[in-house]
C-alpha atoms as a PDB file:
ATOM      1  CA  MET A   1      28.348   4.644  48.687  1.00  0.00           C
ATOM      2  CA  ALA A   2      25.033   6.302  47.690  1.00  0.00           C
ATOM      3  CA  GLU A   3      25.128   7.775  44.355  1.00  0.00           C
ATOM      4  CA  LYS A   4      25.442  11.381  44.271  1.00  0.00           C
ATOM      5  CA  ILE A   5      25.050  14.021  41.346  1.00  0.00           C
ATOM      6  CA  LEU A   6      27.837  16.201  40.523  1.00  0.00           C
ATOM      7  CA  LYS A   7      26.274  19.276  38.953  1.00  0.00           C
ATOM      8  CA  GLU A   8      29.057  20.855  37.174  1.00  0.00           C
ATOM      9  CA  LEU A   9      32.438  20.045  36.388  1.00  0.00           C
ATOM     10  CA  THR A  10      34.857  21.605  34.142  1.00  0.00           C
ATOM     11  CA  ILE A  11      36.976  19.372  31.971  1.00  0.00           C
ATOM     12  CA  LYS A  12      40.463  20.744  30.910  1.00  0.00           C
ATOM     13  CA  VAL A  13      41.671  18.536  28.341  1.00  0.00           C
ATOM     14  CA  TRP A  14      44.371  18.514  25.802  1.00  0.00           C
ATOM     15  CA  ARG A  15      43.675  19.003  22.324  1.00  0.00           C
ATOM     16  CA  GLN A  16      45.969  18.174  19.438  1.00  0.00           C
ATOM     17  CA  LYS A  17      44.696  17.819  15.568  1.00  0.00           C
ATOM     18  CA  ASP A  18      47.813  15.425  14.922  1.00  0.00           C
ATOM     19  CA  ALA A  19      51.121  14.573  15.420  1.00  0.00           C
ATOM     20  CA  LYS A  20      52.348  17.423  13.590  1.00  0.00           C
ATOM     21  CA  SER A  21      50.356  20.170  15.171  1.00  0.00           C
ATOM     22  CA  LYS A  22      50.605  22.125  18.129  1.00  0.00           C
ATOM     23  CA  GLY A  23      48.515  21.204  20.662  1.00  0.00           C
ATOM     24  CA  GLU A  24      46.596  23.309  23.626  1.00  0.00           C
ATOM     25  CA  PHE A  25      44.294  22.887  26.570  1.00  0.00           C
ATOM     26  CA  LYS A  26      40.515  23.149  26.025  1.00  0.00           C
ATOM     27  CA  SER A  27      38.140  23.643  28.796  1.00  0.00           C
ATOM     28  CA  TYR A  28      34.431  22.438  28.316  1.00  0.00           C
ATOM     29  CA  LYS A  29      31.669  22.301  31.117  1.00  0.00           C
ATOM     30  CA  VAL A  30      29.831  18.888  31.682  1.00  0.00           C
ATOM     31  CA  ASN A  31      26.844  18.751  34.015  1.00  0.00           C
ATOM     32  CA  ASN A  32      24.839  16.273  36.186  1.00  0.00           C
ATOM     33  CA  ILE A  33      27.275  13.428  36.213  1.00  0.00           C
ATOM     34  CA  SER A  34      26.539  10.650  38.756  1.00  0.00           C
ATOM     35  CA  THR A  35      29.388   9.838  40.949  1.00  0.00           C
ATOM     36  CA  ASP A  36      28.794   5.955  39.616  1.00  0.00           C
ATOM     37  CA  THR A  37      29.717   6.938  36.347  1.00  0.00           C
ATOM     38  CA  SER A  38      33.223   5.594  35.086  1.00  0.00           C
ATOM     39  CA  PHE A  39      35.753   8.228  34.085  1.00  0.00           C
ATOM     40  CA  LEU A  40      35.717   6.895  30.437  1.00  0.00           C
ATOM     41  CA  GLU A  41      31.827   6.998  30.375  1.00  0.00           C
ATOM     42  CA  MET A  42      32.130  10.982  31.728  1.00  0.00           C
ATOM     43  CA  ILE A  43      34.411  11.459  28.475  1.00  0.00           C
ATOM     44  CA  ASP A  44      31.713   9.848  26.435  1.00  0.00           C
ATOM     45  CA  ILE A  45      28.893  11.830  27.660  1.00  0.00           C
ATOM     46  CA  LEU A  46      31.239  15.003  27.091  1.00  0.00           C
ATOM     47  CA  ASN A  47      31.798  13.764  23.421  1.00  0.00           C
ATOM     48  CA  GLU A  48      28.041  13.281  22.911  1.00  0.00           C
ATOM     49  CA  GLN A  49      27.538  17.001  24.153  1.00  0.00           C
ATOM     50  CA  LEU A  50      30.392  18.038  21.649  1.00  0.00           C
ATOM     51  CA  VAL A  51      29.066  16.490  18.750  1.00  0.00           C
ATOM     52  CA  GLU A  52      25.723  18.203  19.558  1.00  0.00           C
ATOM     53  CA  GLN A  53      27.400  21.603  19.435  1.00  0.00           C
ATOM     54  CA  ASN A  54      29.278  20.817  16.379  1.00  0.00           C
ATOM     55  CA  ILE A  55      32.695  20.346  18.082  1.00  0.00           C
ATOM     56  CA  GLU A  56      34.846  17.719  17.204  1.00  0.00           C
ATOM     57  CA  PRO A  57      34.969  14.864  19.976  1.00  0.00           C
ATOM     58  CA  ILE A  58      37.885  14.253  21.977  1.00  0.00           C
ATOM     59  CA  ALA A  59      39.849  11.225  20.674  1.00  0.00           C
ATOM     60  CA  PHE A  60      41.057   8.761  23.516  1.00  0.00           C
ATOM     61  CA  ASP A  61      42.223   5.179  23.167  1.00  0.00           C
ATOM     62  CA  HIS A  62      40.212   2.458  25.185  1.00  0.00           C
ATOM     63  CA  ASP A  63      39.031  -1.348  24.743  1.00  0.00           C
ATOM     64  CA  CYS A  64      38.343  -3.515  27.385  1.00  0.00           C
ATOM     65  CA  ARG A  65      37.205  -1.157  30.004  1.00  0.00           C
ATOM     66  CA  GLU A  66      38.229  -3.904  32.650  1.00  0.00           C
ATOM     67  CA  GLY A  67      41.513  -2.863  33.610  1.00  0.00           C
ATOM     68  CA  ILE A  68      43.311  -5.537  31.463  1.00  0.00           C
ATOM     69  CA  CYS A  69      44.329  -4.186  27.941  1.00  0.00           C
ATOM     70  CA  GLY A  70      46.103  -0.937  29.115  1.00  0.00           C
ATOM     71  CA  THR A  71      45.067   1.356  26.286  1.00  0.00           C
ATOM     72  CA  CYS A  72      43.042   3.916  28.280  1.00  0.00           C
ATOM     73  CA  SER A  73      46.665   5.440  29.391  1.00  0.00           C
ATOM     74  CA  LEU A  74      46.055   9.050  30.672  1.00  0.00           C
ATOM     75  CA  PHE A  75      46.979  11.740  32.996  1.00  0.00           C
ATOM     76  CA  VAL A  76      44.435  12.832  35.157  1.00  0.00           C
ATOM     77  CA  ASP A  77      44.855  15.635  37.393  1.00  0.00           C
ATOM     78  CA  GLY A  78      48.903  14.952  37.093  1.00  0.00           C
ATOM     79  CA  ARG A  79      48.857  11.706  37.915  1.00  0.00           C
ATOM     80  CA  ALA A  80      48.976   8.165  35.554  1.00  0.00           C
ATOM     81  CA  HIS A  81      45.481   6.768  35.530  1.00  0.00           C
ATOM     82  CA  GLY A  82      44.009   9.373  37.753  1.00  0.00           C
ATOM     83  CA  PRO A  83      43.906   9.979  41.582  1.00  0.00           C
ATOM     84  CA  ASP A  84      43.102   6.437  42.767  1.00  0.00           C
ATOM     85  CA  ASP A  85      45.738   3.623  43.261  1.00  0.00           C
ATOM     86  CA  ASP A  86      46.125   0.250  41.587  1.00  0.00           C
ATOM     87  CA  VAL A  87      43.598   0.895  38.835  1.00  0.00           C
ATOM     88  CA  THR A  88      43.475   1.727  35.004  1.00  0.00           C
ATOM     89  CA  THR A  89      41.854   4.846  33.789  1.00  0.00           C
ATOM     90  CA  CYS A  90      38.788   2.851  32.915  1.00  0.00           C
ATOM     91  CA  GLN A  91      38.585   1.582  36.528  1.00  0.00           C
ATOM     92  CA  LEU A  92      38.669   4.973  37.946  1.00  0.00           C
ATOM     93  CA  HIS A  93      35.124   6.233  39.026  1.00  0.00           C
ATOM     94  CA  MET A  94      33.653  10.038  39.169  1.00  0.00           C
ATOM     95  CA  ARG A  95      33.124   9.506  43.178  1.00  0.00           C
ATOM     96  CA  ARG A  96      37.097  10.720  43.448  1.00  0.00           C
ATOM     97  CA  PHE A  97      35.880  13.982  42.539  1.00  0.00           C
ATOM     98  CA  ASN A  98      34.399  16.754  43.981  1.00  0.00           C
ATOM     99  CA  GLU A  99      31.443  19.037  42.846  1.00  0.00           C
ATOM    100  CA  GLY A 100      32.669  22.045  40.790  1.00  0.00           C
ATOM    101  CA  ALA A 101      36.182  20.627  40.422  1.00  0.00           C
ATOM    102  CA  THR A 102      38.534  21.450  37.249  1.00  0.00           C
ATOM    103  CA  ILE A 103      39.615  17.908  36.161  1.00  0.00           C
ATOM    104  CA  THR A 104      42.718  18.044  33.636  1.00  0.00           C
ATOM    105  CA  ILE A 105      43.225  15.384  31.377  1.00  0.00           C
ATOM    106  CA  GLU A 106      46.461  14.912  29.050  1.00  0.00           C
ATOM    107  CA  PRO A 107      48.300  12.270  27.201  1.00  0.00           C
ATOM    108  CA  TRP A 108      51.207  10.323  28.192  1.00  0.00           C
ATOM    109  CA  ARG A 109      54.059  13.029  28.100  1.00  0.00           C
ATOM    110  CA  SER A 110      57.339  10.989  27.162  1.00  0.00           C
ATOM    111  CA  GLY A 111      59.353  11.407  23.801  1.00  0.00           C
ATOM    112  CA  ALA A 112      58.903   7.753  22.870  1.00  0.00           C
ATOM    113  CA  PHE A 113      55.086   7.923  22.962  1.00  0.00           C
ATOM    114  CA  PRO A 114      54.402  10.618  20.303  1.00  0.00           C
ATOM    115  CA  VAL A 115      50.732  11.937  20.372  1.00  0.00           C
ATOM    116  CA  ILE A 116      48.943  11.084  17.355  1.00  0.00           C
ATOM    117  CA  LYS A 117      45.595  12.799  18.214  1.00  0.00           C
ATOM    118  CA  ASP A 118      44.276  14.514  21.408  1.00  0.00           C
ATOM    119  CA  LEU A 119      44.594  11.888  24.327  1.00  0.00           C
ATOM    120  CA  ILE A 120      45.934   9.135  21.980  1.00  0.00           C
ATOM    121  CA  VAL A 121      49.450   8.315  21.888  1.00  0.00           C
ATOM    122  CA  ASP A 122      51.837   5.883  19.944  1.00  0.00           C
ATOM    123  CA  ARG A 123      52.724   3.032  22.324  1.00  0.00           C
ATOM    124  CA  ASN A 124      54.596   0.945  19.524  1.00  0.00           C
ATOM    125  CA  ALA A 125      57.728   1.189  21.334  1.00  0.00           C
ATOM    126  CA  TYR A 126      56.731  -1.476  23.838  1.00  0.00           C
ATOM    127  CA  GLU A 127      55.998  -3.490  21.252  1.00  0.00           C
ATOM    128  CA  LYS A 128      59.407  -3.016  19.405  1.00  0.00           C
ATOM    129  CA  ILE A 129      61.084  -4.004  22.738  1.00  0.00           C
ATOM    130  CA  LEU A 130      59.038  -7.208  22.808  1.00  0.00           C
ATOM    131  CA  HIS A 131      59.555  -8.098  19.477  1.00  0.00           C
ATOM    132  CA  ALA A 132      63.630  -7.751  20.346  1.00  0.00           C
ATOM    133  CA  GLY A 133      63.202 -10.568  22.960  1.00  0.00           C
ATOM    134  CA  GLY A 134      60.028 -10.785  25.047  1.00  0.00           C
ATOM    135  CA  TYR A 135      59.296 -14.194  23.961  1.00  0.00           C
ATOM    136  CA  ILE A 136      60.841 -17.811  23.541  1.00  0.00           C
ATOM    137  CA  SER A 137      61.660 -18.679  20.045  1.00  0.00           C
ATOM    138  CA  VAL A 138      63.621 -22.324  20.587  1.00  0.00           C
ATOM    139  CA  ASN A 139      61.836 -25.678  20.352  1.00  0.00           C
ATOM    140  CA  THR A 140      60.822 -26.415  24.128  1.00  0.00           C
ATOM    141  CA  GLY A 141      58.673 -29.364  22.929  1.00  0.00           C
ATOM    142  CA  GLY A 142      55.154 -30.363  23.399  1.00  0.00           C
ATOM    143  CA  VAL A 143      52.944 -28.903  26.522  1.00  0.00           C
ATOM    144  CA  PRO A 144      54.409 -31.056  29.416  1.00  0.00           C
ATOM    145  CA  ASP A 145      52.100 -32.957  31.834  1.00  0.00           C
ATOM    146  CA  ALA A 146      51.404 -30.971  34.769  1.00  0.00           C
ATOM    147  CA  ASN A 147      54.154 -30.934  37.482  1.00  0.00           C
ATOM    148  CA  ALA A 148      56.633 -32.650  35.139  1.00  0.00           C
ATOM    149  CA  ILE A 149      58.879 -29.654  35.302  1.00  0.00           C
ATOM    150  CA  PRO A 150      59.572 -28.574  38.933  1.00  0.00           C
ATOM    151  CA  ILE A 151      59.075 -24.904  39.453  1.00  0.00           C
ATOM    152  CA  SER A 152      58.825 -23.607  43.222  1.00  0.00           C
ATOM    153  CA  ASN A 153      55.446 -22.111  44.011  1.00  0.00           C
ATOM    154  CA  ASP A 154      57.712 -18.569  44.848  1.00  0.00           C
ATOM    155  CA  ASP A 155      59.309 -18.426  41.285  1.00  0.00           C
ATOM    156  CA  ALA A 156      55.954 -19.588  39.777  1.00  0.00           C
ATOM    157  CA  GLU A 157      53.854 -16.750  41.849  1.00  0.00           C
ATOM    158  CA  GLU A 158      56.848 -14.085  41.104  1.00  0.00           C
ATOM    159  CA  ALA A 159      56.721 -14.967  37.244  1.00  0.00           C
ATOM    160  CA  MET A 160      52.649 -14.603  37.466  1.00  0.00           C
ATOM    161  CA  ASP A 161      52.947 -11.199  39.208  1.00  0.00           C
ATOM    162  CA  ALA A 162      55.675 -10.034  36.713  1.00  0.00           C
ATOM    163  CA  ALA A 163      53.335 -11.239  33.547  1.00  0.00           C
ATOM    164  CA  SER A 164      50.420  -9.304  35.005  1.00  0.00           C
ATOM    165  CA  CYS A 165      52.198  -6.121  33.201  1.00  0.00           C
ATOM    166  CA  ILE A 166      49.579  -4.819  30.682  1.00  0.00           C
ATOM    167  CA  GLY A 167      51.912  -2.504  28.975  1.00  0.00           C
ATOM    168  CA  CYS A 168      50.138   0.725  29.385  1.00  0.00           C
ATOM    169  CA  GLY A 169      53.211   2.693  29.715  1.00  0.00           C
ATOM    170  CA  ALA A 170      52.627   4.458  32.988  1.00  0.00           C
ATOM    171  CA  CYS A 171      55.838   3.584  34.327  1.00  0.00           C
ATOM    172  CA  ALA A 172      57.807   5.490  31.413  1.00  0.00           C
ATOM    173  CA  ALA A 173      55.319   8.330  31.522  1.00  0.00           C
ATOM    174  CA  THR A 174      55.731   9.040  35.167  1.00  0.00           C
ATOM    175  CA  CYS A 175      59.360   8.524  35.341  1.00  0.00           C
ATOM    176  CA  LYS A 176      61.437  11.862  35.413  1.00  0.00           C
ATOM    177  CA  ASN A 177      63.675  10.040  32.870  1.00  0.00           C
ATOM    178  CA  SER A 178      60.857   8.357  30.575  1.00  0.00           C
ATOM    179  CA  SER A 179      62.647   5.213  31.621  1.00  0.00           C
ATOM    180  CA  ALA A 180      61.124   1.930  30.489  1.00  0.00           C
ATOM    181  CA  MET A 181      63.053  -0.305  32.972  1.00  0.00           C
ATOM    182  CA  LEU A 182      59.976  -1.170  34.893  1.00  0.00           C
ATOM    183  CA  PHE A 183      58.210  -2.673  31.463  1.00  0.00           C
ATOM    184  CA  VAL A 184      61.405  -4.494  30.383  1.00  0.00           C
ATOM    185  CA  ALA A 185      61.986  -5.810  33.844  1.00  0.00           C
ATOM    186  CA  ALA A 186      58.594  -7.361  33.963  1.00  0.00           C
ATOM    187  CA  LYS A 187      58.894  -9.136  30.577  1.00  0.00           C
ATOM    188  CA  VAL A 188      62.317 -10.456  31.586  1.00  0.00           C
ATOM    189  CA  SER A 189      61.251 -11.472  34.954  1.00  0.00           C
ATOM    190  CA  GLN A 190      58.253 -13.467  33.603  1.00  0.00           C
ATOM    191  CA  LEU A 191      60.561 -15.647  31.278  1.00  0.00           C
ATOM    192  CA  ALA A 192      63.824 -15.620  33.499  1.00  0.00           C
ATOM    193  CA  LEU A 193      61.982 -17.403  36.250  1.00  0.00           C
ATOM    194  CA  LEU A 194      60.885 -20.345  34.198  1.00  0.00           C
ATOM    195  CA  PRO A 195      62.915 -23.140  32.967  1.00  0.00           C
ATOM    196  CA  GLN A 196      61.739 -22.702  29.601  1.00  0.00           C
ATOM    197  CA  GLY A 197      62.951 -19.081  29.401  1.00  0.00           C
ATOM    198  CA  LYS A 198      66.341 -19.688  30.482  1.00  0.00           C
ATOM    199  CA  ILE A 199      67.602 -21.087  27.166  1.00  0.00           C
ATOM    200  CA  GLU A 200      67.665 -17.580  25.710  1.00  0.00           C
ATOM    201  CA  ALA A 201      68.091 -15.507  28.793  1.00  0.00           C
ATOM    202  CA  ALA A 202      71.275 -13.964  27.873  1.00  0.00           C
ATOM    203  CA  ARG A 203      70.425 -13.112  24.518  1.00  0.00           C
ATOM    204  CA  ARG A 204      66.923 -11.584  25.577  1.00  0.00           C
ATOM    205  CA  ALA A 205      68.162  -9.340  28.116  1.00  0.00           C
ATOM    206  CA  LYS A 206      70.593  -7.743  25.935  1.00  0.00           C
ATOM    207  CA  ALA A 207      68.433  -7.435  23.034  1.00  0.00           C
ATOM    208  CA  MET A 208      65.719  -5.705  24.978  1.00  0.00           C
ATOM    209  CA  VAL A 209      67.816  -3.532  26.750  1.00  0.00           C
ATOM    210  CA  SER A 210      69.496  -2.672  23.602  1.00  0.00           C
ATOM    211  CA  ARG A 211      66.324  -1.795  21.817  1.00  0.00           C
ATOM    212  CA  MET A 212      64.736   0.261  24.832  1.00  0.00           C
ATOM    213  CA  ASP A 213      67.876   2.453  24.598  1.00  0.00           C
ATOM    214  CA  GLU A 214      67.670   2.697  20.798  1.00  0.00           C
ATOM    215  CA  LEU A 215      64.128   3.963  20.837  1.00  0.00           C
ATOM    216  CA  GLY A 216      64.827   6.976  23.290  1.00  0.00           C
ATOM    217  CA  PHE A 217      63.945   5.819  26.694  1.00  0.00           C
ATOM    218  CA  GLY A 218      66.060   7.395  29.403  1.00  0.00           C
ATOM    219  CA  SER A 219      67.879   5.456  32.352  1.00  0.00           C
ATOM    220  CA  CYS A 220      66.729   4.245  35.422  1.00  0.00           C
ATOM    221  CA  THR A 221      67.522   6.083  38.566  1.00  0.00           C
ATOM    222  CA  ASN A 222      65.603   4.259  41.027  1.00  0.00           C
ATOM    223  CA  THR A 223      63.020   7.094  42.006  1.00  0.00           C
ATOM    224  CA  GLY A 224      60.450   4.236  42.515  1.00  0.00           C
ATOM    225  CA  ALA A 225      57.660   6.718  40.872  1.00  0.00           C
ATOM    226  CA  CYS A 226      57.074   3.478  38.210  1.00  0.00           C
ATOM    227  CA  GLU A 227      56.160   1.134  41.074  1.00  0.00           C
ATOM    228  CA  MET A 228      54.164   3.811  42.757  1.00  0.00           C
ATOM    229  CA  GLU A 229      52.062   4.489  39.443  1.00  0.00           C
ATOM    230  CA  CYS A 230      51.846   0.930  38.120  1.00  0.00           C
ATOM    231  CA  PRO A 231      48.151  -0.158  38.055  1.00  0.00           C
ATOM    232  CA  LYS A 232      49.276  -3.720  38.729  1.00  0.00           C
ATOM    233  CA  GLY A 233      51.540  -2.723  41.450  1.00  0.00           C
ATOM    234  CA  ILE A 234      54.706  -4.326  39.805  1.00  0.00           C
ATOM    235  CA  SER A 235      57.627  -4.075  42.037  1.00  0.00           C
ATOM    236  CA  ILE A 236      60.914  -2.465  41.363  1.00  0.00           C
ATOM    237  CA  GLU A 237      62.586  -5.548  42.549  1.00  0.00           C
ATOM    238  CA  HIS A 238      62.268  -6.801  38.876  1.00  0.00           C
ATOM    239  CA  ILE A 239      64.620  -4.129  37.882  1.00  0.00           C
ATOM    240  CA  ALA A 240      67.168  -5.549  39.918  1.00  0.00           C
ATOM    241  CA  ARG A 241      66.739  -9.010  38.272  1.00  0.00           C
ATOM    242  CA  LEU A 242      66.999  -7.388  34.922  1.00  0.00           C
ATOM    243  CA  ASN A 243      70.322  -5.902  36.019  1.00  0.00           C
ATOM    244  CA  ARG A 244      71.700  -9.294  37.114  1.00  0.00           C
ATOM    245  CA  GLU A 245      70.359 -11.033  33.855  1.00  0.00           C
ATOM    246  CA  PHE A 246      71.854  -8.084  31.919  1.00  0.00           C
ATOM    247  CA  LEU A 247      75.361  -8.252  33.663  1.00  0.00           C
ATOM    248  CA  LEU A 248      75.497 -12.104  33.338  1.00  0.00           C
ATOM    249  CA  ALA A 249      74.867 -11.865  29.644  1.00  0.00           C
ATOM    250  CA  LYS A 250      77.698  -9.327  29.144  1.00  0.00           C
ATOM    251  CA  LEU A 251      80.109 -11.460  31.462  1.00  0.00           C
ATOM    252  CA  LYS A 252      79.339 -14.582  29.281  1.00  0.00           C
ATOM    253  CA  ASP A 253      80.449 -12.573  26.248  1.00  0.00           C
END
């Protein structure tokens, strides 16, 4: 696709000084943006413009800019990560927008992800869920030789699909109930499908679900919005596995 120039765009962005302050939308103009520019590069250009005007630049999270880390979590025009499918915000390009468009940018809207400043939210709730059980702590011995532990190809592929979750928070932020079930299910699946993860399976499912509830995430009502907006396309079928793992753990009790 040939490069085009978007001569003028209006950026309507959420500005909030800190976690205790009341936020509001502010509108800024940005000019002559190439359609080959990434969305975060556009914000960089806007921030340079704001600095020149003695306006505090927009605070936003980013790191790898390769769709791996999940920190670039934004709502763009009402969609998690913007109007493209299966991408993070850093992978979104300005070719997805039209000349003269007004682009609305806001942070995740979830009680479990409080706003820190502008577009930055505190996503430590996901880390706390992982700390509750998203790991293997028992001694599983040294690294085994390749193919020493028989794992079916289907299980290995499904475990790897679940492990692709980057913990960006789009699932919870998109869900009308602010449920973190898809995130928890992915982290449970990647271990439950493998022999090394079965030893602590019962404790893991109960601990992670309990921690999720304590942190204020809502319940899953299977609307499927989480799967639709997940940048890695993680299936809600993993939620069914989490439910089975949790039920089995309760039955063992």
